C-alpha atoms as a PDB file:
ATOM      1  CA  UNK A   1     124.107  77.009 163.052  1.00  0.00           C
ATOM      2  CA  UNK A   2     127.197  74.993 162.109  1.00  0.00           C
ATOM      3  CA  UNK A   3     127.182  71.236 161.596  1.00  0.00           C
ATOM      4  CA  UNK A   4     128.561  70.422 165.064  1.00  0.00           C
ATOM      5  CA  UNK A   5     126.047  72.681 166.787  1.00  0.00           C
ATOM      6  CA  UNK A   6     123.226  71.277 164.662  1.00  0.00           C
ATOM      7  CA  UNK A   7     124.114  67.686 165.576  1.00  0.00           C
ATOM      8  CA  UNK A   8     124.398  68.644 169.265  1.00  0.00           C
ATOM      9  CA  UNK A   9     120.927  70.214 169.160  1.00  0.00           C
ATOM     10  CA  UNK A  10     119.483  67.164 167.405  1.00  0.00           C
ATOM     11  CA  UNK A  11     120.888  64.973 170.173  1.00  0.00           C
ATOM     12  CA  UNK A  12     118.927  67.106 172.617  1.00  0.00           C
ATOM     13  CA  UNK A  13     115.829  66.407 170.473  1.00  0.00           C
ATOM     14  CA  UNK A  14     115.457  70.090 169.681  1.00  0.00           C
ATOM     15  CA  UNK A  15     112.529  70.266 167.250  1.00  0.00           C
ATOM     16  CA  UNK A  16     113.746  73.485 165.617  1.00  0.00           C
ATOM     17  CA  UNK A  17     117.143  71.841 164.954  1.00  0.00           C
ATOM     18  CA  UNK A  18     115.400  68.854 163.388  1.00  0.00           C
ATOM     19  CA  UNK A  19     113.398  71.164 161.136  1.00  0.00           C
ATOM     20  CA  UNK A  20     116.576  72.987 160.110  1.00  0.00           C
ATOM     21  CA  UNK A  21     118.314  69.654 159.487  1.00  0.00           C
ATOM     22  CA  UNK A  22     115.583  68.554 157.084  1.00  0.00           C
ATOM     23  CA  UNK A  23     115.287  71.963 155.394  1.00  0.00           C
ATOM     24  CA  UNK A  24     119.054  72.325 154.931  1.00  0.00           C
ATOM     25  CA  UNK A  25     119.876  68.899 153.546  1.00  0.00           C
ATOM     26  CA  UNK A  26     116.708  67.625 151.888  1.00  0.00           C
ATOM     27  CA  UNK A  27     117.277  69.605 148.618  1.00  0.00           C
ATOM     28  CA  UNK A  28     120.884  68.417 148.387  1.00  0.00           C
ATOM     29  CA  UNK A  29     119.912  64.770 148.896  1.00  0.00           C
ATOM     30  CA  UNK A  30     117.197  65.005 146.247  1.00  0.00           C
ATOM     31  CA  UNK A  31     119.935  66.039 143.802  1.00  0.00           C
ATOM     32  CA  UNK A  32     122.123  63.138 144.972  1.00  0.00           C
ATOM     33  CA  UNK A  33     119.201  60.722 144.514  1.00  0.00           C
ATOM     34  CA  UNK A  34     118.631  62.012 140.985  1.00  0.00           C
ATOM     35  CA  UNK A  35     122.348  61.590 140.170  1.00  0.00           C
ATOM     36  CA  UNK A  36     122.158  58.014 141.464  1.00  0.00           C
ATOM     37  CA  UNK A  37     119.364  57.241 139.016  1.00  0.00           C
ATOM     38  CA  UNK A  38     116.557  56.953 141.571  1.00  0.00           C
ATOM     39  CA  UNK A  39     113.125  57.224 139.927  1.00  0.00           C
ATOM     40  CA  UNK A  40     111.344  60.549 140.492  1.00  0.00           C
ATOM     41  CA  UNK A  41     108.527  59.022 142.537  1.00  0.00           C
ATOM     42  CA  UNK A  42     110.990  57.221 144.827  1.00  0.00           C
ATOM     43  CA  UNK A  43     113.294  60.123 145.662  1.00  0.00           C
ATOM     44  CA  UNK A  44     111.165  61.877 148.295  1.00  0.00           C
ATOM     45  CA  UNK A  45     110.561  58.789 150.509  1.00  0.00           C
ATOM     46  CA  UNK A  46     114.178  57.676 150.107  1.00  0.00           C
ATOM     47  CA  UNK A  47     115.503  61.068 151.228  1.00  0.00           C
ATOM     48  CA  UNK A  48     113.014  61.295 154.109  1.00  0.00           C
ATOM     49  CA  UNK A  49     114.006  57.827 155.344  1.00  0.00           C
ATOM     50  CA  UNK A  50     117.700  58.666 155.090  1.00  0.00           C
ATOM     51  CA  UNK A  51     117.367  61.936 157.031  1.00  0.00           C
ATOM     52  CA  UNK A  52     115.175  60.313 159.679  1.00  0.00           C
ATOM     53  CA  UNK A  53     117.536  57.384 160.212  1.00  0.00           C
ATOM     54  CA  UNK A  54     120.567  59.675 160.465  1.00  0.00           C
ATOM     55  CA  UNK A  55     118.772  61.954 162.948  1.00  0.00           C
ATOM     56  CA  UNK A  56     117.833  58.939 165.082  1.00  0.00           C
ATOM     57  CA  UNK A  57     121.431  57.704 164.843  1.00  0.00           C
ATOM     58  CA  UNK A  58     122.723  61.045 166.117  1.00  0.00           C
ATOM     59  CA  UNK A  59     120.316  60.857 169.071  1.00  0.00           C
ATOM     60  CA  UNK A  60     121.401  57.327 169.947  1.00  0.00           C
ATOM     61  CA  UNK A  61     125.175  57.640 169.483  1.00  0.00           C
ATOM     62  CA  UNK A  62     127.429  60.087 171.310  1.00  0.00           C
ATOM     63  CA  UNK A  63     130.411  59.851 168.950  1.00  0.00           C
ATOM     64  CA  UNK A  64     131.932  62.991 167.421  1.00  0.00           C
ATOM     65  CA  UNK A  65     129.867  64.415 164.540  1.00  0.00           C
ATOM     66  CA  UNK A  66     131.194  63.928 160.997  1.00  0.00           C
ATOM     67  CA  UNK A  67     133.582  66.619 159.812  1.00  0.00           C
ATOM     68  CA  UNK A  68     131.388  67.319 156.780  1.00  0.00           C
ATOM     69  CA  UNK A  69     127.730  66.597 157.423  1.00  0.00           C
ATOM     70  CA  UNK A  70     126.844  67.123 153.757  1.00  0.00           C
ATOM     71  CA  UNK A  71     129.422  64.572 152.580  1.00  0.00           C
ATOM     72  CA  UNK A  72     128.344  62.135 155.309  1.00  0.00           C
ATOM     73  CA  UNK A  73     124.680  62.382 154.259  1.00  0.00           C
ATOM     74  CA  UNK A  74     125.487  62.088 150.534  1.00  0.00           C
ATOM     75  CA  UNK A  75     127.572  58.985 151.210  1.00  0.00           C
ATOM     76  CA  UNK A  76     124.791  57.461 153.349  1.00  0.00           C
ATOM     77  CA  UNK A  77     122.201  58.004 150.636  1.00  0.00           C
ATOM     78  CA  UNK A  78     124.447  56.593 147.917  1.00  0.00           C
ATOM     79  CA  UNK A  79     125.082  53.506 150.063  1.00  0.00           C
ATOM     80  CA  UNK A  80     121.326  53.022 150.484  1.00  0.00           C
ATOM     81  CA  UNK A  81     120.824  53.147 146.732  1.00  0.00           C
ATOM     82  CA  UNK A  82     123.708  50.746 146.066  1.00  0.00           C
ATOM     83  CA  UNK A  83     122.584  48.292 148.755  1.00  0.00           C
ATOM     84  CA  UNK A  84     119.004  48.307 147.462  1.00  0.00           C
ATOM     85  CA  UNK A  85     120.251  47.679 143.922  1.00  0.00           C
ATOM     86  CA  UNK A  86     122.489  44.825 145.082  1.00  0.00           C
ATOM     87  CA  UNK A  87     119.563  43.245 146.950  1.00  0.00           C
ATOM     88  CA  UNK A  88     117.311  43.445 143.881  1.00  0.00           C
ATOM     89  CA  UNK A  89     120.066  42.047 141.669  1.00  0.00           C
ATOM     90  CA  UNK A  90     120.776  39.175 144.032  1.00  0.00           C
ATOM     91  CA  UNK A  91     117.080  38.314 144.255  1.00  0.00           C
ATOM     92  CA  UNK A  92     116.790  38.154 140.464  1.00  0.00           C
ATOM     93  CA  UNK A  93     119.976  36.169 140.034  1.00  0.00           C
ATOM     94  CA  UNK A  94     119.042  33.696 142.746  1.00  0.00           C
ATOM     95  CA  UNK A  95     115.739  33.043 141.001  1.00  0.00           C
ATOM     96  CA  UNK A  96     117.496  32.431 137.678  1.00  0.00           C
ATOM     97  CA  UNK A  97     120.067  30.138 139.211  1.00  0.00           C
ATOM     98  CA  UNK A  98     117.521  27.727 140.741  1.00  0.00           C
ATOM     99  CA  UNK A  99     118.015  24.359 139.103  1.00  0.00           C
ATOM    100  CA  UNK A 100     121.424  25.369 137.702  1.00  0.00           C
ATOM    101  CA  UNK A 101     123.617  25.450 140.790  1.00  0.00           C
ATOM    102  CA  UNK A 102     123.418  26.214 144.472  1.00  0.00           C
ATOM    103  CA  UNK A 103     124.450  29.617 145.777  1.00  0.00           C
ATOM    104  CA  UNK A 104     127.271  27.969 147.704  1.00  0.00           C
ATOM    105  CA  UNK A 105     128.724  26.519 144.501  1.00  0.00           C
ATOM    106  CA  UNK A 106     128.572  29.901 142.796  1.00  0.00           C
ATOM    107  CA  UNK A 107     129.840  31.978 145.696  1.00  0.00           C
ATOM    108  CA  UNK A 108     133.480  31.263 144.955  1.00  0.00           C
ATOM    109  CA  UNK A 109     133.272  31.637 141.193  1.00  0.00           C
ATOM    110  CA  UNK A 110     134.432  34.675 139.257  1.00  0.00           C
ATOM    111  CA  UNK A 111     131.195  34.585 137.248  1.00  0.00           C
ATOM    112  CA  UNK A 112     129.096  35.020 140.396  1.00  0.00           C
ATOM    113  CA  UNK A 113     131.345  37.868 141.569  1.00  0.00           C
ATOM    114  CA  UNK A 114     131.088  39.500 138.152  1.00  0.00           C
ATOM    115  CA  UNK A 115     127.282  39.362 138.168  1.00  0.00           C
ATOM    116  CA  UNK A 116     126.992  40.636 141.742  1.00  0.00           C
ATOM    117  CA  UNK A 117     129.231  43.608 140.881  1.00  0.00           C
ATOM    118  CA  UNK A 118     126.896  44.666 138.090  1.00  0.00           C
ATOM    119  CA  UNK A 119     127.826  42.472 135.162  1.00  0.00           C
ATOM    120  CA  UNK A 120     130.799  44.576 134.107  1.00  0.00           C
ATOM    121  CA  UNK A 121     134.058  42.715 133.752  1.00  0.00           C
ATOM    122  CA  UNK A 122     136.792  45.331 134.026  1.00  0.00           C
ATOM    123  CA  UNK A 123     140.273  44.507 132.732  1.00  0.00           C
ATOM    124  CA  UNK A 124     142.590  43.893 135.682  1.00  0.00           C
ATOM    125  CA  UNK A 125     145.250  46.449 136.572  1.00  0.00           C
ATOM    126  CA  UNK A 126     148.847  45.410 136.331  1.00  0.00           C
ATOM    127  CA  UNK A 127     150.585  44.741 139.675  1.00  0.00           C
ATOM    128  CA  UNK A 128     152.521  48.000 139.310  1.00  0.00           C
ATOM    129  CA  UNK A 129     149.338  50.036 138.849  1.00  0.00           C
ATOM    130  CA  UNK A 130     147.644  48.198 141.713  1.00  0.00           C
ATOM    131  CA  UNK A 131     150.502  49.175 144.024  1.00  0.00           C
ATOM    132  CA  UNK A 132     150.292  52.763 142.776  1.00  0.00           C
ATOM    133  CA  UNK A 133     146.544  52.878 143.461  1.00  0.00           C
ATOM    134  CA  UNK A 134     147.083  51.464 146.944  1.00  0.00           C
ATOM    135  CA  UNK A 135     149.703  54.112 147.706  1.00  0.00           C
ATOM    136  CA  UNK A 136     147.350  56.891 146.598  1.00  0.00           C
ATOM    137  CA  UNK A 137     144.342  55.647 148.568  1.00  0.00           C
ATOM    138  CA  UNK A 138     146.417  55.166 151.724  1.00  0.00           C
ATOM    139  CA  UNK A 139     147.109  58.890 151.906  1.00  0.00           C
ATOM    140  CA  UNK A 140     143.481  60.039 151.612  1.00  0.00           C
ATOM    141  CA  UNK A 141     141.048  61.017 154.334  1.00  0.00           C
ATOM    142  CA  UNK A 142     137.503  59.637 154.259  1.00  0.00           C
ATOM    143  CA  UNK A 143     136.200  62.910 152.766  1.00  0.00           C
ATOM    144  CA  UNK A 144     138.956  62.922 150.134  1.00  0.00           C
ATOM    145  CA  UNK A 145     138.094  59.353 149.148  1.00  0.00           C
ATOM    146  CA  UNK A 146     134.479  60.379 148.624  1.00  0.00           C
ATOM    147  CA  UNK A 147     135.558  63.363 146.524  1.00  0.00           C
ATOM    148  CA  UNK A 148     137.941  61.178 144.510  1.00  0.00           C
ATOM    149  CA  UNK A 149     135.093  58.721 143.848  1.00  0.00           C
ATOM    150  CA  UNK A 150     132.906  61.545 142.532  1.00  0.00           C
ATOM    151  CA  UNK A 151     135.778  62.789 140.374  1.00  0.00           C
ATOM    152  CA  UNK A 152     136.333  59.290 138.948  1.00  0.00           C
ATOM    153  CA  UNK A 153     132.665  59.219 137.911  1.00  0.00           C
ATOM    154  CA  UNK A 154     133.085  62.603 136.153  1.00  0.00           C
ATOM    155  CA  UNK A 155     130.488  64.237 138.415  1.00  0.00           C
ATOM    156  CA  UNK A 156     130.185  67.954 137.520  1.00  0.00           C
ATOM    157  CA  UNK A 157     131.796  70.392 139.945  1.00  0.00           C
ATOM    158  CA  UNK A 158     128.445  72.152 140.375  1.00  0.00           C
ATOM    159  CA  UNK A 159     126.821  68.924 141.602  1.00  0.00           C
ATOM    160  CA  UNK A 160     129.744  68.220 143.932  1.00  0.00           C
ATOM    161  CA  UNK A 161     129.369  71.752 145.324  1.00  0.00           C
ATOM    162  CA  UNK A 162     125.710  71.042 146.118  1.00  0.00           C
ATOM    163  CA  UNK A 163     126.525  67.725 147.773  1.00  0.00           C
ATOM    164  CA  UNK A 164     129.227  69.332 149.914  1.00  0.00           C
ATOM    165  CA  UNK A 165     127.136  72.407 150.683  1.00  0.00           C
ATOM    166  CA  UNK A 166     129.799  74.817 149.402  1.00  0.00           C
ATOM    167  CA  UNK A 167     130.092  77.339 146.569  1.00  0.00           C
ATOM    168  CA  UNK A 168     130.856  76.127 143.053  1.00  0.00           C
ATOM    169  CA  UNK A 169     134.160  78.043 143.001  1.00  0.00           C
ATOM    170  CA  UNK A 170     135.213  76.492 146.315  1.00  0.00           C
ATOM    171  CA  UNK A 171     134.343  73.014 145.058  1.00  0.00           C
ATOM    172  CA  UNK A 172     136.360  73.568 141.871  1.00  0.00           C
ATOM    173  CA  UNK A 173     139.394  74.639 143.895  1.00  0.00           C
ATOM    174  CA  UNK A 174     139.042  71.659 146.205  1.00  0.00           C
ATOM    175  CA  UNK A 175     138.842  69.292 143.218  1.00  0.00           C
ATOM    176  CA  UNK A 176     141.932  70.830 141.621  1.00  0.00           C
ATOM    177  CA  UNK A 177     143.906  70.684 144.890  1.00  0.00           C
ATOM    178  CA  UNK A 178     143.045  67.014 145.366  1.00  0.00           C
ATOM    179  CA  UNK A 179     143.952  66.223 141.749  1.00  0.00           C
ATOM    180  CA  UNK A 180     147.359  67.885 142.172  1.00  0.00           C
ATOM    181  CA  UNK A 181     147.966  66.127 145.507  1.00  0.00           C
ATOM    182  CA  UNK A 182     147.210  62.748 143.917  1.00  0.00           C
ATOM    183  CA  UNK A 183     149.509  63.466 140.997  1.00  0.00           C
ATOM    184  CA  UNK A 184     152.314  64.563 143.317  1.00  0.00           C
ATOM    185  CA  UNK A 185     151.814  61.456 145.476  1.00  0.00           C
ATOM    186  CA  UNK A 186     151.938  59.306 142.331  1.00  0.00           C
ATOM    187  CA  UNK A 187     155.275  60.834 141.333  1.00  0.00           C
ATOM    188  CA  UNK A 188     156.681  60.280 144.829  1.00  0.00           C
ATOM    189  CA  UNK A 189     155.677  56.632 144.541  1.00  0.00           C
ATOM    190  CA  UNK A 190     157.331  56.364 141.127  1.00  0.00           C
ATOM    191  CA  UNK A 191     160.553  57.768 142.559  1.00  0.00           C
ATOM    192  CA  UNK A 192     160.479  55.075 145.260  1.00  0.00           C
ATOM    193  CA  UNK A 193     160.475  52.136 142.818  1.00  0.00           C
ATOM    194  CA  UNK A 194     163.006  50.933 140.282  1.00  0.00           C
ATOM    195  CA  UNK A 195     163.480  48.915 137.129  1.00  0.00           C
ATOM    196  CA  UNK A 196     160.599  47.796 134.938  1.00  0.00           C
ATOM    197  CA  UNK A 197     157.960  48.948 137.442  1.00  0.00           C
ATOM    198  CA  UNK A 198     159.380  52.469 137.409  1.00  0.00           C
ATOM    199  CA  UNK A 199     159.422  52.531 133.604  1.00  0.00           C
ATOM    200  CA  UNK A 200     155.826  51.284 133.397  1.00  0.00           C
ATOM    201  CA  UNK A 201     154.580  53.940 135.814  1.00  0.00           C
ATOM    202  CA  UNK A 202     156.524  56.711 134.062  1.00  0.00           C
ATOM    203  CA  UNK A 203     154.944  55.685 130.767  1.00  0.00           C
ATOM    204  CA  UNK A 204     151.500  55.627 132.405  1.00  0.00           C
ATOM    205  CA  UNK A 205     151.885  59.091 133.940  1.00  0.00           C
ATOM    206  CA  UNK A 206     153.345  60.397 130.694  1.00  0.00           C
ATOM    207  CA  UNK A 207     149.954  59.819 129.076  1.00  0.00           C
ATOM    208  CA  UNK A 208     148.088  61.706 131.821  1.00  0.00           C
ATOM    209  CA  UNK A 209     147.085  65.362 131.802  1.00  0.00           C
ATOM    210  CA  UNK A 210     149.036  66.710 134.783  1.00  0.00           C
ATOM    211  CA  UNK A 211     148.873  69.988 136.670  1.00  0.00           C
ATOM    212  CA  UNK A 212     151.833  72.357 136.067  1.00  0.00           C
ATOM    213  CA  UNK A 213     153.748  71.397 139.224  1.00  0.00           C
ATOM    214  CA  UNK A 214     153.545  67.601 138.776  1.00  0.00           C
ATOM    215  CA  UNK A 215     154.160  67.990 135.023  1.00  0.00           C
ATOM    216  CA  UNK A 216     157.418  69.824 135.705  1.00  0.00           C
ATOM    217  CA  UNK A 217     158.445  67.178 138.228  1.00  0.00           C
ATOM    218  CA  UNK A 218     157.681  64.396 135.748  1.00  0.00           C
ATOM    219  CA  UNK A 219     159.801  66.135 133.115  1.00  0.00           C
ATOM    220  CA  UNK A 220     162.858  65.883 135.370  1.00  0.00           C
ATOM    221  CA  UNK A 221     162.636  62.094 135.607  1.00  0.00           C
ATOM    222  CA  UNK A 222     161.099  61.214 132.237  1.00  0.00           C
ATOM    223  CA  UNK A 223     164.495  61.079 130.447  1.00  0.00           C
ATOM    224  CA  UNK A 224     165.049  57.824 132.348  1.00  0.00           C
ATOM    225  CA  UNK A 225     162.512  56.114 130.034  1.00  0.00           C
ATOM    226  CA  UNK A 226     164.124  54.097 127.233  1.00  0.00           C
ATOM    227  CA  UNK A 227     163.759  55.491 123.710  1.00  0.00           C
ATOM    228  CA  UNK A 228     160.787  53.413 122.482  1.00  0.00           C
ATOM    229  CA  UNK A 229     158.755  54.126 125.630  1.00  0.00           C
ATOM    230  CA  UNK A 230     159.715  57.798 125.682  1.00  0.00           C
ATOM    231  CA  UNK A 231     158.368  58.189 122.140  1.00  0.00           C
ATOM    232  CA  UNK A 232     155.069  56.651 123.243  1.00  0.00           C
ATOM    233  CA  UNK A 233     154.685  59.166 126.104  1.00  0.00           C
ATOM    234  CA  UNK A 234     155.703  62.194 124.092  1.00  0.00           C
END
């Protein structure tokens, strides 16, 4: 039974479809929970709650089913883990901040934002790189954004294959295709800008490991970089 048919049967409260739903996706979500750092004793109830809530959601809402049920479920579980972690972090921080400042005074501060985001203060991207990132994200589907997020976290292709419910070889091909599409889109963006921004982005891409097609395309425009920058990217 395909995903669309499975969701349709769940909406009809077909008990056999519900059993198949749990049997098909429970193992995958247990792997996702493990990757998210959920403690062993907490994974089973977390996965059961996630599957139950999604099944109830399908019964209550008549919208079109997600294109990839596996990706939809993996994203839902990850969001549960992140939201629970944020709630625990906020509770601890609020307790520590009593007597120091009110939450309203902290809400607009960069320190409060830094702590809420996990205590990691990442160096800001330059405006040119921010515009490049925006251009890349704008061209992605919801599923591609999820895959790109997994790629950015260096998730193994075998784990991604499990989360997507596809073969390892198929997942590897999908990852490589998305990587090449992003690189090609980045080069198109570079060709649309000029001056110092163009030189900065060319230098940035010159340090990246590109697929053969994008690498050849970059080589045709890299001579535009001034000598000192070109040496850096060589």
